Protein backbone atom coordinates (compact mmCIF):
# COMPACT_ATOMS: atom_id res chain seq x y z
CA MET A 1 -18.29 19.04 -11.02
CA ARG A 2 -14.33 17.96 -10.38
CA ASP A 3 -15.63 17.62 -6.43
CA ARG A 4 -18.41 15.59 -7.32
CA GLU A 5 -16.73 12.99 -10.06
CA ASN A 6 -13.92 12.06 -7.26
CA ALA A 7 -16.14 11.80 -4.62
CA VAL A 8 -17.62 8.62 -6.18
CA PHE A 9 -13.88 7.35 -5.94
CA GLU A 10 -13.65 8.05 -2.21
CA LEU A 11 -13.52 5.01 -0.28
CA ASP A 12 -16.23 3.53 1.88
CA ARG A 13 -14.67 3.73 5.34
CA ARG A 14 -17.36 0.83 7.19
CA ALA A 15 -17.60 -1.83 3.81
CA LEU A 16 -13.68 -1.28 4.11
CA ARG A 17 -13.34 -2.49 7.24
CA ARG A 18 -15.49 -5.39 6.98
CA ALA A 19 -14.01 -6.40 4.00
CA PHE A 20 -10.57 -6.87 5.43
CA GLU A 21 -12.08 -8.36 8.45
CA ARG A 22 -13.30 -11.22 6.25
CA ALA A 23 -9.95 -11.27 4.65
CA ALA A 24 -7.92 -12.28 7.05
CA VAL A 25 -8.97 -15.80 6.55
CA GLY A 26 -8.75 -16.73 3.01
CA TYR A 27 -6.08 -13.68 2.67
CA ASP A 28 -2.31 -15.75 2.15
CA GLN A 29 -3.59 -17.89 -0.99
CA ALA A 30 -4.48 -14.55 -2.62
CA ALA A 31 -1.82 -12.67 -1.54
CA VAL A 32 0.59 -13.14 -4.50
CA ALA A 33 1.51 -9.47 -5.22
CA GLN A 34 1.53 -8.28 -1.86
CA ARG A 35 4.40 -11.18 -0.93
CA GLU A 36 6.38 -9.90 -4.05
CA VAL A 37 6.02 -6.49 -3.03
CA GLY A 38 7.35 -6.98 0.02
CA GLN A 39 9.77 -9.26 -0.56
CA ARG A 40 10.94 -6.25 -3.39
CA LEU A 41 10.47 -3.52 -0.74
CA LEU A 42 12.50 -5.67 2.15
CA GLU A 43 15.46 -5.82 -0.76
CA ARG A 44 15.34 -2.19 -0.62
CA LEU A 45 16.08 -1.69 3.05
CA ASP A 46 19.42 -3.22 2.08
CA GLN A 47 20.42 0.34 1.08
CA ILE A 48 20.16 1.77 3.66
CA LYS A 49 22.26 1.87 7.30
CA LEU A 50 19.83 1.39 10.01
CA ASP A 51 19.91 -0.32 13.40
CA PRO A 52 16.16 0.35 14.13
CA ALA A 53 15.43 -0.39 17.75
CA VAL A 54 11.39 0.10 17.27
CA ILE A 55 9.89 -0.69 13.87
CA LEU A 56 6.36 0.35 12.71
CA ASP A 57 4.83 -1.94 10.03
CA VAL A 58 1.42 0.34 9.09
CA GLY A 59 -0.71 -2.55 6.80
CA CYS A 60 0.57 -5.89 8.42
CA ALA A 61 -2.19 -8.02 7.08
CA THR A 62 -1.49 -11.17 7.90
CA GLY A 63 2.33 -10.82 9.12
CA ALA A 64 4.07 -12.54 6.07
CA THR A 65 6.32 -9.79 5.03
CA THR A 66 6.36 -8.75 8.97
CA ALA A 67 7.85 -11.86 9.52
CA LEU A 68 11.12 -11.47 7.45
CA LEU A 69 11.27 -7.98 9.38
CA PHE A 70 11.76 -9.83 12.16
CA LYS A 71 14.47 -11.89 10.39
CA LYS A 72 16.44 -8.76 9.53
CA TYR A 73 16.38 -6.98 12.03
CA ARG A 74 16.60 -9.09 15.55
CA ARG A 75 16.91 -7.17 17.95
CA ALA A 76 13.98 -4.53 17.30
CA ARG A 77 10.48 -4.62 18.64
CA ILE A 78 7.84 -4.30 15.99
CA VAL A 79 4.33 -2.85 16.24
CA GLY A 80 2.37 -4.47 12.96
CA LEU A 81 -0.32 -1.73 12.12
CA GLU A 82 -4.02 -2.95 10.66
CA ARG A 83 -7.33 -1.90 10.83
CA ALA A 84 -8.77 -5.20 10.86
CA VAL A 85 -8.81 -6.90 14.71
CA GLY A 86 -8.70 -10.66 12.39
CA MET A 87 -5.51 -9.42 10.62
CA VAL A 88 -3.77 -8.20 13.60
CA ALA A 89 -4.97 -11.66 15.66
CA VAL A 90 -3.11 -13.96 12.71
CA ALA A 91 -0.06 -11.91 12.14
CA ARG A 92 0.81 -11.86 15.87
CA LYS A 93 0.70 -15.85 15.41
CA ARG A 94 3.81 -15.22 12.78
CA ALA A 95 6.03 -14.02 15.46
CA PRO A 96 8.67 -15.92 16.00
CA TRP A 97 9.89 -17.94 19.26
CA LEU A 98 10.87 -15.71 22.12
CA ARG A 99 9.64 -12.25 20.03
CA THR A 100 6.49 -10.50 20.32
CA LEU A 101 4.48 -8.75 17.42
CA TYR A 102 3.03 -5.72 19.33
CA GLY A 103 -0.31 -5.65 17.66
CA ALA A 104 -2.52 -2.21 17.11
CA VAL A 105 -5.71 -1.65 15.61
CA GLY A 106 -5.81 1.40 13.52
CA GLU A 107 -5.92 3.67 10.48
CA PRO A 108 -2.68 5.02 8.97
CA GLU A 109 -4.05 8.30 9.45
CA THR A 110 -4.76 8.22 13.30
CA LEU A 111 -0.99 6.17 14.71
CA PRO A 112 -1.99 5.00 18.27
CA LEU A 113 1.76 5.73 18.80
CA ALA A 114 3.61 8.65 20.90
CA ASP A 115 5.39 11.05 19.21
CA ALA A 116 9.50 10.18 17.97
CA SER A 117 8.55 6.77 18.83
CA CYS A 118 9.63 5.00 15.56
CA ASP A 119 13.50 4.69 13.93
CA LEU A 120 11.63 3.11 10.80
CA ILE A 121 8.30 3.31 9.40
CA PHE A 122 7.36 0.21 6.51
CA SER A 123 4.33 -0.12 4.55
CA ASN A 124 3.68 -2.67 2.00
CA LEU A 125 0.84 -1.73 0.12
CA ALA A 126 -1.55 -0.63 2.83
CA LEU A 127 -1.09 3.35 1.30
CA PRO A 128 -3.75 2.35 -1.50
CA TRP A 129 -6.60 2.26 0.80
CA CYS A 130 -5.71 5.00 2.77
CA PHE A 131 -8.92 8.02 3.47
CA ASP A 132 -6.65 10.76 3.64
CA LEU A 133 -2.77 10.52 2.57
CA ASP A 134 -1.84 13.81 3.45
CA ARG A 135 -2.56 12.76 6.69
CA ALA A 136 -1.19 9.79 6.86
CA PHE A 137 2.14 11.14 5.97
CA SER A 138 1.91 14.12 8.39
CA GLU A 139 1.27 11.06 10.90
CA PHE A 140 4.24 9.07 9.57
CA ARG A 141 6.52 12.41 10.29
CA ARG A 142 4.97 12.53 14.34
CA VAL A 143 5.68 9.66 15.22
CA LEU A 144 9.54 9.13 13.31
CA LYS A 145 12.33 10.17 15.46
CA PRO A 146 14.66 12.78 14.06
CA GLY A 147 16.24 11.03 11.16
CA GLY A 148 14.24 7.69 11.60
CA ALA A 149 12.91 6.50 8.02
CA LEU A 150 9.83 5.71 6.29
CA LEU A 151 9.95 3.24 3.40
CA PHE A 152 6.56 2.24 1.36
CA SER A 153 4.93 0.52 -1.68
CA THR A 154 1.67 1.79 -3.10
CA LEU A 155 -0.17 1.11 -6.12
CA GLY A 156 -0.39 3.65 -9.01
CA PRO A 157 -2.92 4.46 -11.72
CA ASP A 158 -2.11 1.89 -14.19
CA THR A 159 -2.99 -1.01 -11.52
CA LEU A 160 -5.77 -3.22 -12.48
CA VAL A 161 -6.05 -0.79 -15.97
CA GLU A 162 -7.60 -4.24 -18.13
CA LEU A 163 -10.32 -4.44 -15.46
CA ARG A 164 -10.95 -0.45 -15.26
CA ARG A 165 -11.04 -0.35 -19.13
CA ALA A 166 -13.77 -3.12 -19.41
CA TRP A 167 -15.77 -2.55 -16.66
CA HIS A 168 -15.84 1.42 -18.78
CA SER A 169 -16.84 -0.30 -21.65
CA ALA A 170 -19.88 -1.90 -19.53
CA ASP A 171 -21.50 0.70 -17.63
CA SER A 172 -20.90 4.42 -15.97
CA HIS A 173 -20.26 3.55 -12.56
CA PRO A 174 -16.46 3.21 -11.07
CA HIS A 175 -15.97 -0.71 -10.03
CA VAL A 176 -11.71 0.03 -9.70
CA HIS A 177 -10.20 2.02 -7.22
CA ALA A 178 -8.68 5.37 -8.54
CA PHE A 179 -4.92 5.08 -7.22
CA LEU A 180 -2.45 8.02 -7.20
CA ASP A 181 0.42 8.67 -9.25
CA LEU A 182 4.26 9.22 -8.57
CA HIS A 183 4.03 12.68 -8.82
CA ASP A 184 0.85 13.50 -6.48
CA VAL A 185 2.19 10.65 -3.66
CA GLY A 186 5.93 12.58 -3.65
CA ASP A 187 3.97 15.67 -3.26
CA ALA A 188 2.50 14.55 -0.52
CA LEU A 189 5.84 13.88 1.22
CA LEU A 190 6.84 16.71 1.25
CA ARG A 191 3.47 18.60 2.30
CA ALA A 192 4.04 16.48 5.18
CA GLY A 193 7.57 17.66 6.16
CA LEU A 194 9.05 14.31 4.98
CA THR A 195 12.71 14.73 3.55
CA GLU A 196 14.74 13.67 1.13
CA PRO A 197 12.22 11.61 -0.81
CA VAL A 198 13.54 9.23 -3.40
CA MET A 199 10.38 7.93 -5.81
CA ASP A 200 10.51 4.72 -7.90
CA VAL A 201 7.87 3.06 -10.16
CA GLU A 202 7.96 -0.49 -11.96
CA ARG A 203 5.45 -2.52 -13.02
CA LEU A 204 4.82 -6.38 -12.19
CA ASN A 205 2.23 -8.23 -14.62
CA PHE A 206 0.10 -11.32 -13.70
CA THR A 207 -1.55 -13.81 -15.56
CA TYR A 208 -5.08 -15.84 -15.02
CA SER A 209 -6.52 -18.75 -17.01
CA GLU A 210 -10.32 -17.01 -16.73
CA LEU A 211 -11.11 -13.52 -15.61
CA ASP A 212 -12.99 -15.29 -12.51
CA GLY A 213 -9.67 -16.39 -10.70
CA LEU A 214 -8.76 -12.72 -10.64
CA LEU A 215 -12.41 -11.65 -9.22
CA ARG A 216 -11.82 -14.40 -6.31
CA ASP A 217 -8.19 -13.03 -5.51
CA LEU A 218 -9.15 -9.70 -5.07
CA LYS A 219 -12.19 -10.49 -2.89
CA ALA A 220 -10.45 -12.54 -0.93
CA LEU A 221 -8.19 -9.82 -0.22
CA GLY A 222 -10.67 -7.44 0.44
CA ALA A 223 -10.06 -5.38 -2.32
CA GLY A 224 -12.98 -5.56 -3.99
CA ASN A 225 -15.32 -2.58 -5.38
CA LEU A 226 -15.22 -0.67 -2.18
CA ASN A 227 -15.96 3.30 -4.06
CA ALA A 228 -18.54 5.37 -2.48
CA GLY A 229 -20.14 5.66 -5.99
CA ARG A 230 -20.30 2.29 -6.41
CA PRO A 231 -23.72 0.43 -7.92
CA ARG A 232 -25.83 -0.72 -4.76
CA GLY A 233 -27.77 -3.39 -6.62
CA LEU A 234 -26.87 -6.08 -8.53
CA THR A 235 -25.17 -5.98 -11.58
CA GLY A 236 -27.32 -7.53 -14.28
CA LYS A 237 -26.31 -10.42 -16.02
CA ASP A 238 -25.65 -7.95 -19.60
CA ARG A 239 -23.30 -5.71 -17.77
CA TRP A 240 -21.20 -8.93 -16.40
CA ARG A 241 -21.32 -10.35 -19.95
CA ALA A 242 -20.03 -6.94 -21.48
CA MET A 243 -17.36 -6.08 -18.89
CA ARG A 244 -16.56 -10.08 -19.88
CA ALA A 245 -16.08 -9.81 -23.24
CA ALA A 246 -13.89 -6.25 -23.42
CA TYR A 247 -11.59 -8.31 -21.39
CA GLU A 248 -11.13 -10.76 -23.68
CA GLN A 249 -9.63 -8.40 -26.30
CA TRP A 250 -6.47 -9.30 -23.42
CA ARG A 251 -6.27 -12.28 -23.79
CA ALA A 252 -2.55 -13.41 -25.08
CA PRO A 253 -1.55 -16.03 -27.43
CA ASP A 254 -0.52 -18.19 -24.44
CA GLY A 255 -4.41 -18.20 -23.54
CA THR A 256 -3.85 -16.32 -20.18
CA LEU A 257 -5.05 -12.85 -18.88
CA PRO A 258 -3.11 -10.11 -17.84
CA ALA A 259 -3.97 -8.56 -14.48
CA THR A 260 -1.30 -5.10 -14.63
CA CYS A 261 0.18 -3.90 -10.95
CA GLU A 262 2.03 -0.32 -11.19
CA VAL A 263 3.89 -0.35 -8.00
CA VAL A 264 5.05 3.11 -6.58
CA TYR A 265 7.75 2.62 -4.29
CA GLY A 266 8.66 5.72 -1.94
CA HIS A 267 11.67 6.21 1.13
CA ALA A 268 11.97 9.46 2.64
CA TRP A 269 13.39 10.84 6.22
CA GLY A 270 12.01 11.89 9.28
CA SER A 271 12.41 15.64 10.06
CA VAL A 272 16.03 16.48 11.00
CA GLY A 273 15.73 20.11 13.03
CA GLU A 274 16.97 22.90 10.99
CA ARG A 275 17.97 20.71 7.71
CA VAL A 276 14.58 19.97 6.74
CA ARG A 277 14.45 21.88 3.48
CA ARG A 278 11.35 21.61 0.89
CA PRO A 279 12.53 22.17 -2.81
CA ALA A 280 10.54 24.68 -4.53
CA ALA A 281 9.49 22.30 -7.40
CA GLY A 282 8.12 19.82 -6.53
CA PRO A 283 9.76 16.62 -5.14
CA ALA A 284 12.74 14.64 -6.36
CA VAL A 285 12.21 12.02 -8.10
CA PHE A 286 15.13 9.33 -9.61
CA PRO A 287 15.74 5.40 -9.79
CA LEU A 288 16.44 3.47 -7.25
CA LYS A 289 20.26 2.92 -8.09
CA ARG A 290 20.92 6.26 -6.24
CA LEU A 291 19.90 5.58 -3.10
CA ARG A 292 23.22 5.24 -1.92
CA ARG A 293 23.59 6.76 1.28
CA SER A 294 23.61 6.61 5.23
CA ARG A 295 21.00 7.50 7.93
CA PRO A 296 21.13 11.60 7.92
CA ASP A 297 24.10 13.15 10.36
CA ARG A 298 22.18 14.49 13.53
CA GLU A 299 22.69 17.92 14.60
């Protein structure tokens, strides 16, 4: 029964690719959260002493945050990976003058890169749409050089909690993706053999004057209802009306409607030969302020 319940929340791979292709045109106008989280993720790189020669940006989208990586690491070669050809094309146009974004189309679970070829893997809000997190992290470990760094952001289960609860009051179908929590992500890092994981989480609250604004943004981002168990027919007017009425309970005194974004940040290192050690009790979880270290010394 549990496997059947989980299956309805699995992502429809073909629908996801189509949604991301369509999103390439209007993505930037709706990507407020992506830019904000990307900026915060970039600031975490200031805590890491790293001079990467090759950077892989997994989920580069239209390249807004990738462009900031170019500014931060002026000598690095950067590869931008996306599952949508249209997004890679837009991202490549954002590369600074005399520099090239090497575009790659693929999935995080099957990276089209050689073993031990990257010094840094950077991934901003791409992992929520990953089909197999264990496999993706194993791929990250494979392409990282010994002592290379992984820095990523993803979404926790309280993301869009208002929308999830509003739809739950209207029908029994899944309408919002089931995001993994911090501990599940940390466990996956360890299973993949990535070392010294550091995790932290924060909540960002975005506001809309009307619910339609949120729904338009989700569609523009390619982040609509992509669950395998989503209703295949048109949603009836009664259910839409019930969902909208349920969402109204969160309207604030200033007249705005909130949309919660639970952001999970993670950092880990590639394997360093025999120095890899896995804690028996699970991943280390502590605040980012304790991340004050340089790259692991090489043997």
